[in-house]
PDB file of N, CA and C in Angstrom:
ATOM      1  N   MET A   1       3.968 192.905 -85.473  1.00  0.00           N
ATOM      2  CA  MET A   1       4.057 194.190 -84.802  1.00  0.00           C
ATOM      3  C   MET A   1       2.908 195.062 -85.290  1.00  0.00           C
ATOM      4  N   ILE A   2       2.270 195.713 -84.350  1.00  0.00           N
ATOM      5  CA  ILE A   2       1.201 196.647 -84.697  1.00  0.00           C
ATOM      6  C   ILE A   2       1.716 198.076 -84.527  1.00  0.00           C
ATOM      7  N   ARG A   3       0.921 199.033 -84.994  1.00  0.00           N
ATOM      8  CA  ARG A   3       1.341 200.434 -85.026  1.00  0.00           C
ATOM      9  C   ARG A   3       1.773 200.935 -83.640  1.00  0.00           C
ATOM     10  N   SER A   4       1.003 200.617 -82.621  1.00  0.00           N
ATOM     11  CA  SER A   4       1.338 201.101 -81.272  1.00  0.00           C
ATOM     12  C   SER A   4       2.667 200.521 -80.785  1.00  0.00           C
ATOM     13  N   GLU A   5       2.967 199.281 -81.136  1.00  0.00           N
ATOM     14  CA  GLU A   5       4.246 198.683 -80.762  1.00  0.00           C
ATOM     15  C   GLU A   5       5.400 199.370 -81.491  1.00  0.00           C
ATOM     16  N   LEU A   6       5.174 199.714 -82.752  1.00  0.00           N
ATOM     17  CA  LEU A   6       6.191 200.443 -83.516  1.00  0.00           C
ATOM     18  C   LEU A   6       6.466 201.797 -82.873  1.00  0.00           C
ATOM     19  N   LEU A   7       5.408 202.525 -82.529  1.00  0.00           N
ATOM     20  CA  LEU A   7       5.569 203.829 -81.883  1.00  0.00           C
ATOM     21  C   LEU A   7       6.332 203.695 -80.563  1.00  0.00           C
ATOM     22  N   GLN A   8       5.992 202.676 -79.790  1.00  0.00           N
ATOM     23  CA  GLN A   8       6.641 202.460 -78.500  1.00  0.00           C
ATOM     24  C   GLN A   8       8.128 202.135 -78.684  1.00  0.00           C
ATOM     25  N   THR A   9       8.458 201.297 -79.661  1.00  0.00           N
ATOM     26  CA  THR A   9       9.853 200.932 -79.910  1.00  0.00           C
ATOM     27  C   THR A   9      10.670 202.146 -80.336  1.00  0.00           C
ATOM     28  N   ILE A  10      10.125 202.946 -81.238  1.00  0.00           N
ATOM     29  CA  ILE A  10      10.832 204.151 -81.694  1.00  0.00           C
ATOM     30  C   ILE A  10      11.032 205.116 -80.529  1.00  0.00           C
ATOM     31  N   ALA A  11      10.004 205.284 -79.701  1.00  0.00           N
ATOM     32  CA  ALA A  11      10.105 206.189 -78.556  1.00  0.00           C
ATOM     33  C   ALA A  11      11.158 205.705 -77.560  1.00  0.00           C
ATOM     34  N   GLN A  12      11.240 204.397 -77.346  1.00  0.00           N
ATOM     35  CA  GLN A  12      12.234 203.852 -76.414  1.00  0.00           C
ATOM     36  C   GLN A  12      13.649 204.032 -76.942  1.00  0.00           C
ATOM     37  N   GLU A  13      13.834 203.884 -78.245  1.00  0.00           N
ATOM     38  CA  GLU A  13      15.165 204.014 -78.836  1.00  0.00           C
ATOM     39  C   GLU A  13      15.575 205.475 -79.027  1.00  0.00           C
ATOM     40  N   ASN A  14      14.625 206.398 -78.914  1.00  0.00           N
ATOM     41  CA  ASN A  14      14.892 207.823 -79.078  1.00  0.00           C
ATOM     42  C   ASN A  14      14.235 208.599 -77.939  1.00  0.00           C
ATOM     43  N   PRO A  15      14.758 208.483 -76.711  1.00  0.00           N
ATOM     44  CA  PRO A  15      14.111 209.122 -75.563  1.00  0.00           C
ATOM     45  C   PRO A  15      14.075 210.648 -75.636  1.00  0.00           C
ATOM     46  N   GLU A  16      14.904 211.230 -76.508  1.00  0.00           N
ATOM     47  CA  GLU A  16      14.898 212.688 -76.638  1.00  0.00           C
ATOM     48  C   GLU A  16      13.679 213.202 -77.414  1.00  0.00           C
ATOM     49  N   LEU A  17      12.954 212.308 -78.086  1.00  0.00           N
ATOM     50  CA  LEU A  17      11.767 212.702 -78.848  1.00  0.00           C
ATOM     51  C   LEU A  17      10.515 212.556 -77.996  1.00  0.00           C
ATOM     52  N   ARG A  18       9.612 213.513 -78.154  1.00  0.00           N
ATOM     53  CA  ARG A  18       8.322 213.424 -77.476  1.00  0.00           C
ATOM     54  C   ARG A  18       7.450 212.407 -78.208  1.00  0.00           C
ATOM     55  N   ALA A  19       6.497 211.832 -77.504  1.00  0.00           N
ATOM     56  CA  ALA A  19       5.602 210.829 -78.104  1.00  0.00           C
ATOM     57  C   ALA A  19       4.850 211.403 -79.304  1.00  0.00           C
ATOM     58  N   GLU A  20       4.467 212.688 -79.223  1.00  0.00           N
ATOM     59  CA  GLU A  20       3.745 213.324 -80.321  1.00  0.00           C
ATOM     60  C   GLU A  20       4.625 213.433 -81.568  1.00  0.00           C
ATOM     61  N   ASP A  21       5.917 213.689 -81.358  1.00  0.00           N
ATOM     62  CA  ASP A  21       6.838 213.793 -82.484  1.00  0.00           C
ATOM     63  C   ASP A  21       7.050 212.447 -83.164  1.00  0.00           C
ATOM     64  N   VAL A  22       7.147 211.397 -82.353  1.00  0.00           N
ATOM     65  CA  VAL A  22       7.303 210.048 -82.903  1.00  0.00           C
ATOM     66  C   VAL A  22       6.066 209.685 -83.722  1.00  0.00           C
ATOM     67  N   GLU A  23       4.900 209.960 -83.171  1.00  0.00           N
ATOM     68  CA  GLU A  23       3.653 209.638 -83.874  1.00  0.00           C
ATOM     69  C   GLU A  23       3.529 210.430 -85.171  1.00  0.00           C
ATOM     70  N   ARG A  24       3.905 211.705 -85.137  1.00  0.00           N
ATOM     71  CA  ARG A  24       3.843 212.538 -86.342  1.00  0.00           C
ATOM     72  C   ARG A  24       4.795 212.013 -87.414  1.00  0.00           C
ATOM     73  N   ALA A  25       5.993 211.578 -87.015  1.00  0.00           N
ATOM     74  CA  ALA A  25       6.968 211.048 -87.972  1.00  0.00           C
ATOM     75  C   ALA A  25       6.461 209.751 -88.619  1.00  0.00           C
ATOM     76  N   VAL A  26       5.898 208.864 -87.809  1.00  0.00           N
ATOM     77  CA  VAL A  26       5.372 207.603 -88.345  1.00  0.00           C
ATOM     78  C   VAL A  26       4.183 207.868 -89.266  1.00  0.00           C
ATOM     79  N   ASP A  27       3.291 208.762 -88.865  1.00  0.00           N
ATOM     80  CA  ASP A  27       2.144 209.110 -89.711  1.00  0.00           C
ATOM     81  C   ASP A  27       2.608 209.684 -91.046  1.00  0.00           C
ATOM     82  N   THR A  28       3.591 210.577 -91.000  1.00  0.00           N
ATOM     83  CA  THR A  28       4.123 211.178 -92.228  1.00  0.00           C
ATOM     84  C   THR A  28       4.730 210.119 -93.130  1.00  0.00           C
ATOM     85  N   PHE A  29       5.479 209.201 -92.544  1.00  0.00           N
ATOM     86  CA  PHE A  29       6.111 208.120 -93.289  1.00  0.00           C
ATOM     87  C   PHE A  29       5.068 207.311 -94.066  1.00  0.00           C
ATOM     88  N   PHE A  30       4.040 206.855 -93.371  1.00  0.00           N
ATOM     89  CA  PHE A  30       3.004 206.044 -94.022  1.00  0.00           C
ATOM     90  C   PHE A  30       2.153 206.871 -94.985  1.00  0.00           C
ATOM     91  N   ASP A  31       1.871 208.120 -94.646  1.00  0.00           N
ATOM     92  CA  ASP A  31       1.093 208.984 -95.546  1.00  0.00           C
ATOM     93  C   ASP A  31       1.823 209.217 -96.863  1.00  0.00           C
ATOM     94  N   GLU A  32       3.132 209.395 -96.804  1.00  0.00           N
ATOM     95  CA  GLU A  32       3.909 209.630 -98.029  1.00  0.00           C
ATOM     96  C   GLU A  32       3.948 208.385 -98.913  1.00  0.00           C
ATOM     97  N   ILE A  33       4.090 207.224 -98.318  1.00  0.00           N
ATOM     98  CA  ILE A  33       4.059 205.982 -99.106  1.00  0.00           C
ATOM     99  C   ILE A  33       2.688 205.830 -99.757  1.00  0.00           C
ATOM    100  N   THR A  34       1.632 206.046 -98.993  1.00  0.00           N
ATOM    101  CA  THR A  34       0.270 205.925 -99.520  1.00  0.00           C
ATOM    102  C   THR A  34       0.016 206.927-100.636  1.00  0.00           C
ATOM    103  N   ALA A  35       0.463 208.161-100.452  1.00  0.00           N
ATOM    104  CA  ALA A  35       0.267 209.192-101.485  1.00  0.00           C
ATOM    105  C   ALA A  35       1.011 208.836-102.759  1.00  0.00           C
ATOM    106  N   SER A  36       2.209 208.319-102.626  1.00  0.00           N
ATOM    107  CA  SER A  36       2.981 207.923-103.802  1.00  0.00           C
ATOM    108  C   SER A  36       2.270 206.823-104.573  1.00  0.00           C
ATOM    109  N   LEU A  37       1.754 205.833-103.864  1.00  0.00           N
ATOM    110  CA  LEU A  37       1.037 204.738-104.523  1.00  0.00           C
ATOM    111  C   LEU A  37      -0.265 205.235-105.153  1.00  0.00           C
ATOM    112  N   ALA A  38      -0.970 206.130-104.475  1.00  0.00           N
ATOM    113  CA  ALA A  38      -2.226 206.665-104.999  1.00  0.00           C
ATOM    114  C   ALA A  38      -2.007 207.458-106.277  1.00  0.00           C
ATOM    115  N   ASN A  39      -0.817 208.066-106.422  1.00  0.00           N
ATOM    116  CA  ASN A  39      -0.500 208.839-107.629  1.00  0.00           C
ATOM    117  C   ASN A  39       0.119 207.982-108.723  1.00  0.00           C
ATOM    118  N   GLY A  40       0.084 206.653-108.542  1.00  0.00           N
ATOM    119  CA  GLY A  40       0.607 205.758-109.564  1.00  0.00           C
ATOM    120  C   GLY A  40       2.095 205.501-109.468  1.00  0.00           C
ATOM    121  N   GLY A  41       2.741 206.003-108.427  1.00  0.00           N
ATOM    122  CA  GLY A  41       4.174 205.821-108.267  1.00  0.00           C
ATOM    123  C   GLY A  41       4.497 204.604-107.427  1.00  0.00           C
ATOM    124  N   ARG A  42       5.722 204.577-106.934  1.00  0.00           N
ATOM    125  CA  ARG A  42       6.164 203.503-106.051  1.00  0.00           C
ATOM    126  C   ARG A  42       7.020 204.105-104.951  1.00  0.00           C
ATOM    127  N   ALA A  43       7.225 203.352-103.905  1.00  0.00           N
ATOM    128  CA  ALA A  43       8.064 203.794-102.792  1.00  0.00           C
ATOM    129  C   ALA A  43       9.090 202.694-102.533  1.00  0.00           C
ATOM    130  N   GLU A  44      10.357 203.063-102.658  1.00  0.00           N
ATOM    131  CA  GLU A  44      11.424 202.093-102.472  1.00  0.00           C
ATOM    132  C   GLU A  44      12.259 202.469-101.261  1.00  0.00           C
ATOM    133  N   LEU A  45      12.439 201.512-100.368  1.00  0.00           N
ATOM    134  CA  LEU A  45      13.254 201.694 -99.178  1.00  0.00           C
ATOM    135  C   LEU A  45      14.415 200.718 -99.296  1.00  0.00           C
ATOM    136  N   ARG A  46      15.577 201.225 -99.646  1.00  0.00           N
ATOM    137  CA  ARG A  46      16.748 200.378 -99.885  1.00  0.00           C
ATOM    138  C   ARG A  46      17.012 199.472 -98.690  1.00  0.00           C
ATOM    139  N   GLY A  47      17.227 198.211 -98.962  1.00  0.00           N
ATOM    140  CA  GLY A  47      17.490 197.233 -97.920  1.00  0.00           C
ATOM    141  C   GLY A  47      16.238 196.654 -97.294  1.00  0.00           C
ATOM    142  N   PHE A  48      15.103 197.311 -97.493  1.00  0.00           N
ATOM    143  CA  PHE A  48      13.841 196.837 -96.922  1.00  0.00           C
ATOM    144  C   PHE A  48      12.957 196.249 -98.005  1.00  0.00           C
ATOM    145  N   GLY A  49      12.591 197.072 -98.991  1.00  0.00           N
ATOM    146  CA  GLY A  49      11.747 196.592-100.075  1.00  0.00           C
ATOM    147  C   GLY A  49      11.101 197.727-100.828  1.00  0.00           C
ATOM    148  N   ALA A  50      10.228 197.362-101.748  1.00  0.00           N
ATOM    149  CA  ALA A  50       9.560 198.355-102.589  1.00  0.00           C
ATOM    150  C   ALA A  50       8.054 198.125-102.566  1.00  0.00           C
ATOM    151  N   PHE A  51       7.323 199.218-102.409  1.00  0.00           N
ATOM    152  CA  PHE A  51       5.872 199.197-102.475  1.00  0.00           C
ATOM    153  C   PHE A  51       5.459 199.705-103.852  1.00  0.00           C
ATOM    154  N   SER A  52       4.515 199.026-104.473  1.00  0.00           N
ATOM    155  CA  SER A  52       3.972 199.465-105.748  1.00  0.00           C
ATOM    156  C   SER A  52       2.525 198.995-105.813  1.00  0.00           C
ATOM    157  N   THR A  53       1.888 199.229-106.938  1.00  0.00           N
ATOM    158  CA  THR A  53       0.522 198.743-107.121  1.00  0.00           C
ATOM    159  C   THR A  53       0.479 197.845-108.350  1.00  0.00           C
ATOM    160  N   ARG A  54      -0.488 196.984-108.361  1.00  0.00           N
ATOM    161  CA  ARG A  54      -0.738 196.120-109.509  1.00  0.00           C
ATOM    162  C   ARG A  54      -2.207 196.241-109.879  1.00  0.00           C
ATOM    163  N   GLN A  55      -2.463 196.104-111.157  1.00  0.00           N
ATOM    164  CA  GLN A  55      -3.827 196.205-111.657  1.00  0.00           C
ATOM    165  C   GLN A  55      -4.474 194.823-111.638  1.00  0.00           C
ATOM    166  N   ARG A  56      -5.649 194.723-111.065  1.00  0.00           N
ATOM    167  CA  ARG A  56      -6.432 193.483-111.109  1.00  0.00           C
ATOM    168  C   ARG A  56      -7.568 193.700-112.098  1.00  0.00           C
ATOM    169  N   GLU A  57      -7.703 192.783-113.000  1.00  0.00           N
ATOM    170  CA  GLU A  57      -8.751 192.871-114.021  1.00  0.00           C
ATOM    171  C   GLU A  57     -10.119 192.586-113.404  1.00  0.00           C
ATOM    172  N   ALA A  58     -11.162 193.059-114.079  1.00  0.00           N
ATOM    173  CA  ALA A  58     -12.523 192.754-113.661  1.00  0.00           C
ATOM    174  C   ALA A  58     -12.734 191.249-113.815  1.00  0.00           C
ATOM    175  N   ARG A  59     -13.569 190.695-112.946  1.00  0.00           N
ATOM    176  CA  ARG A  59     -13.805 189.255-112.999  1.00  0.00           C
ATOM    177  C   ARG A  59     -15.170 188.925-112.421  1.00  0.00           C
ATOM    178  N   LYS A  60     -15.560 187.697-112.608  1.00  0.00           N
ATOM    179  CA  LYS A  60     -16.788 187.204-111.994  1.00  0.00           C
ATOM    180  C   LYS A  60     -16.413 186.566-110.663  1.00  0.00           C
ATOM    181  N   GLY A  61     -17.082 186.983-109.614  1.00  0.00           N
ATOM    182  CA  GLY A  61     -16.859 186.413-108.302  1.00  0.00           C
ATOM    183  C   GLY A  61     -18.100 185.672-107.845  1.00  0.00           C
ATOM    184  N   ARG A  62     -18.047 185.170-106.631  1.00  0.00           N
ATOM    185  CA  ARG A  62     -19.184 184.432-106.096  1.00  0.00           C
ATOM    186  C   ARG A  62     -19.446 184.888-104.677  1.00  0.00           C
ATOM    187  N   ASN A  63     -20.694 185.165-104.378  1.00  0.00           N
ATOM    188  CA  ASN A  63     -21.099 185.509-103.022  1.00  0.00           C
ATOM    189  C   ASN A  63     -21.070 184.218-102.208  1.00  0.00           C
ATOM    190  N   PRO A  64     -20.191 184.116-101.208  1.00  0.00           N
ATOM    191  CA  PRO A  64     -20.073 182.856-100.472  1.00  0.00           C
ATOM    192  C   PRO A  64     -21.318 182.495 -99.665  1.00  0.00           C
ATOM    193  N   ARG A  65     -22.110 183.489 -99.315  1.00  0.00           N
ATOM    194  CA  ARG A  65     -23.299 183.234 -98.502  1.00  0.00           C
ATOM    195  C   ARG A  65     -24.441 182.658 -99.347  1.00  0.00           C
ATOM    196  N   THR A  66     -24.626 183.247-100.555  1.00  0.00           N
ATOM    197  CA  THR A  66     -25.765 182.830-101.380  1.00  0.00           C
ATOM    198  C   THR A  66     -25.361 181.976-102.575  1.00  0.00           C
ATOM    199  N   GLY A  67     -24.083 182.042-102.959  1.00  0.00           N
ATOM    200  CA  GLY A  67     -23.631 181.301-104.132  1.00  0.00           C
ATOM    201  C   GLY A  67     -23.887 182.038-105.437  1.00  0.00           C
ATOM    202  N   ASP A  68     -24.507 183.211-105.365  1.00  0.00           N
ATOM    203  CA  ASP A  68     -24.801 183.990-106.567  1.00  0.00           C
ATOM    204  C   ASP A  68     -23.528 184.534-107.182  1.00  0.00           C
ATOM    205  N   SER A  69     -23.535 184.680-108.486  1.00  0.00           N
ATOM    206  CA  SER A  69     -22.411 185.267-109.215  1.00  0.00           C
ATOM    207  C   SER A  69     -22.484 186.786-109.100  1.00  0.00           C
ATOM    208  N   VAL A  70     -21.342 187.415-108.864  1.00  0.00           N
ATOM    209  CA  VAL A  70     -21.292 188.872-108.768  1.00  0.00           C
ATOM    210  C   VAL A  70     -20.148 189.391-109.627  1.00  0.00           C
ATOM    211  N   ASP A  71     -20.316 190.594-110.142  1.00  0.00           N
ATOM    212  CA  ASP A  71     -19.260 191.235-110.919  1.00  0.00           C
ATOM    213  C   ASP A  71     -18.314 191.955-109.957  1.00  0.00           C
ATOM    214  N   VAL A  72     -17.016 191.673-110.085  1.00  0.00           N
ATOM    215  CA  VAL A  72     -16.002 192.349-109.294  1.00  0.00           C
ATOM    216  C   VAL A  72     -15.273 193.294-110.242  1.00  0.00           C
ATOM    217  N   PRO A  73     -15.332 194.604-109.988  1.00  0.00           N
ATOM    218  CA  PRO A  73     -14.717 195.559-110.921  1.00  0.00           C
ATOM    219  C   PRO A  73     -13.195 195.505-110.888  1.00  0.00           C
ATOM    220  N   GLU A  74     -12.558 196.038-111.928  1.00  0.00           N
ATOM    221  CA  GLU A  74     -11.102 196.114-111.916  1.00  0.00           C
ATOM    222  C   GLU A  74     -10.666 197.097-110.842  1.00  0.00           C
ATOM    223  N   LYS A  75      -9.470 196.869-110.315  1.00  0.00           N
ATOM    224  CA  LYS A  75      -8.981 197.752-109.260  1.00  0.00           C
ATOM    225  C   LYS A  75      -7.469 197.633-109.152  1.00  0.00           C
ATOM    226  N   ARG A  76      -6.883 198.649-108.517  1.00  0.00           N
ATOM    227  CA  ARG A  76      -5.455 198.619-108.201  1.00  0.00           C
ATOM    228  C   ARG A  76      -5.301 198.108-106.784  1.00  0.00           C
ATOM    229  N   VAL A  77      -4.322 197.242-106.579  1.00  0.00           N
ATOM    230  CA  VAL A  77      -4.064 196.692-105.249  1.00  0.00           C
ATOM    231  C   VAL A  77      -2.612 196.934-104.882  1.00  0.00           C
ATOM    232  N   PRO A  78      -2.310 197.136-103.589  1.00  0.00           N
ATOM    233  CA  PRO A  78      -0.923 197.344-103.180  1.00  0.00           C
ATOM    234  C   PRO A  78      -0.121 196.053-103.312  1.00  0.00           C
ATOM    235  N   TYR A  79       1.161 196.213-103.589  1.00  0.00           N
ATOM    236  CA  TYR A  79       2.074 195.079-103.750  1.00  0.00           C
ATOM    237  C   TYR A  79       3.389 195.443-103.075  1.00  0.00           C
ATOM    238  N   PHE A  80       3.967 194.490-102.361  1.00  0.00           N
ATOM    239  CA  PHE A  80       5.248 194.712-101.690  1.00  0.00           C
ATOM    240  C   PHE A  80       6.225 193.647-102.140  1.00  0.00           C
ATOM    241  N   LYS A  81       7.423 194.073-102.515  1.00  0.00           N
ATOM    242  CA  LYS A  81       8.488 193.143-102.864  1.00  0.00           C
ATOM    243  C   LYS A  81       9.641 193.396-101.896  1.00  0.00           C
ATOM    244  N   ALA A  82       9.984 192.358-101.140  1.00  0.00           N
ATOM    245  CA  ALA A  82      11.056 192.477-100.158  1.00  0.00           C
ATOM    246  C   ALA A  82      12.396 192.703-100.852  1.00  0.00           C
ATOM    247  N   GLY A  83      13.240 193.523-100.236  1.00  0.00           N
ATOM    248  CA  GLY A  83      14.567 193.802-100.764  1.00  0.00           C
ATOM    249  C   GLY A  83      15.522 192.647-100.512  1.00  0.00           C
ATOM    250  N   LYS A  84      16.630 192.692-101.204  1.00  0.00           N
ATOM    251  CA  LYS A  84      17.636 191.630-101.112  1.00  0.00           C
ATOM    252  C   LYS A  84      18.138 191.451 -99.682  1.00  0.00           C
ATOM    253  N   GLU A  85      18.420 192.553 -99.003  1.00  0.00           N
ATOM    254  CA  GLU A  85      18.940 192.470 -97.633  1.00  0.00           C
ATOM    255  C   GLU A  85      17.908 191.875 -96.671  1.00  0.00           C
ATOM    256  N   MET A  86      16.633 192.221 -96.842  1.00  0.00           N
ATOM    257  CA  MET A  86      15.597 191.666 -95.984  1.00  0.00           C
ATOM    258  C   MET A  86      15.459 190.164 -96.227  1.00  0.00           C
ATOM    259  N   ARG A  87      15.458 189.756 -97.487  1.00  0.00           N
ATOM    260  CA  ARG A  87      15.362 188.329 -97.795  1.00  0.00           C
ATOM    261  C   ARG A  87      16.539 187.575 -97.187  1.00  0.00           C
ATOM    262  N   ALA A  88      17.732 188.154 -97.242  1.00  0.00           N
ATOM    263  CA  ALA A  88      18.905 187.509 -96.675  1.00  0.00           C
ATOM    264  C   ALA A  88      18.761 187.346 -95.159  1.00  0.00           C
ATOM    265  N   ARG A  89      18.256 188.369 -94.489  1.00  0.00           N
ATOM    266  CA  ARG A  89      18.076 188.283 -93.025  1.00  0.00           C
ATOM    267  C   ARG A  89      17.015 187.267 -92.654  1.00  0.00           C
ATOM    268  N   LEU A  90      15.954 187.175 -93.457  1.00  0.00           N
ATOM    269  CA  LEU A  90      14.889 186.222 -93.165  1.00  0.00           C
ATOM    270  C   LEU A  90      15.341 184.777 -93.352  1.00  0.00           C
ATOM    271  N   ASN A  91      16.250 184.565 -94.269  1.00  0.00           N
ATOM    272  CA  ASN A  91      16.692 183.213 -94.597  1.00  0.00           C
ATOM    273  C   ASN A  91      18.045 182.854 -94.017  1.00  0.00           C
ATOM    274  N   LYS A  92      18.527 183.666 -93.078  1.00  0.00           N
ATOM    275  CA  LYS A  92      19.823 183.393 -92.441  1.00  0.00           C
ATOM    276  C   LYS A  92      19.672 182.167 -91.543  1.00  0.00           C
ATOM    277  N   ASN A  93      20.590 181.231 -91.681  1.00  0.00           N
ATOM    278  CA  ASN A  93      20.513 180.009 -90.880  1.00  0.00           C
ATOM    279  C   ASN A  93      21.493 180.037 -89.761  1.00  0.00           C
TER     280      ASN A  93
END
């Protein structure tokens, strides 16, 4: 599912909301998760999962085009852990 499909689904399930309101709500939702992660926090959505960040250490990488060694700096990367209820729904037989 892409962002536009999400907006369309929410709008269809909530016909009383204007398209601009749906878009503003989705933007706010994602902006708040991003802001929480940027401030070193986490965002937990019960039944869905938790977003957090993990630290990646600096390392030596390789330029695939030239084969040259390059330094890759340390960085924080987003991490998602699915919640128990989501895992159960995904593995339901």
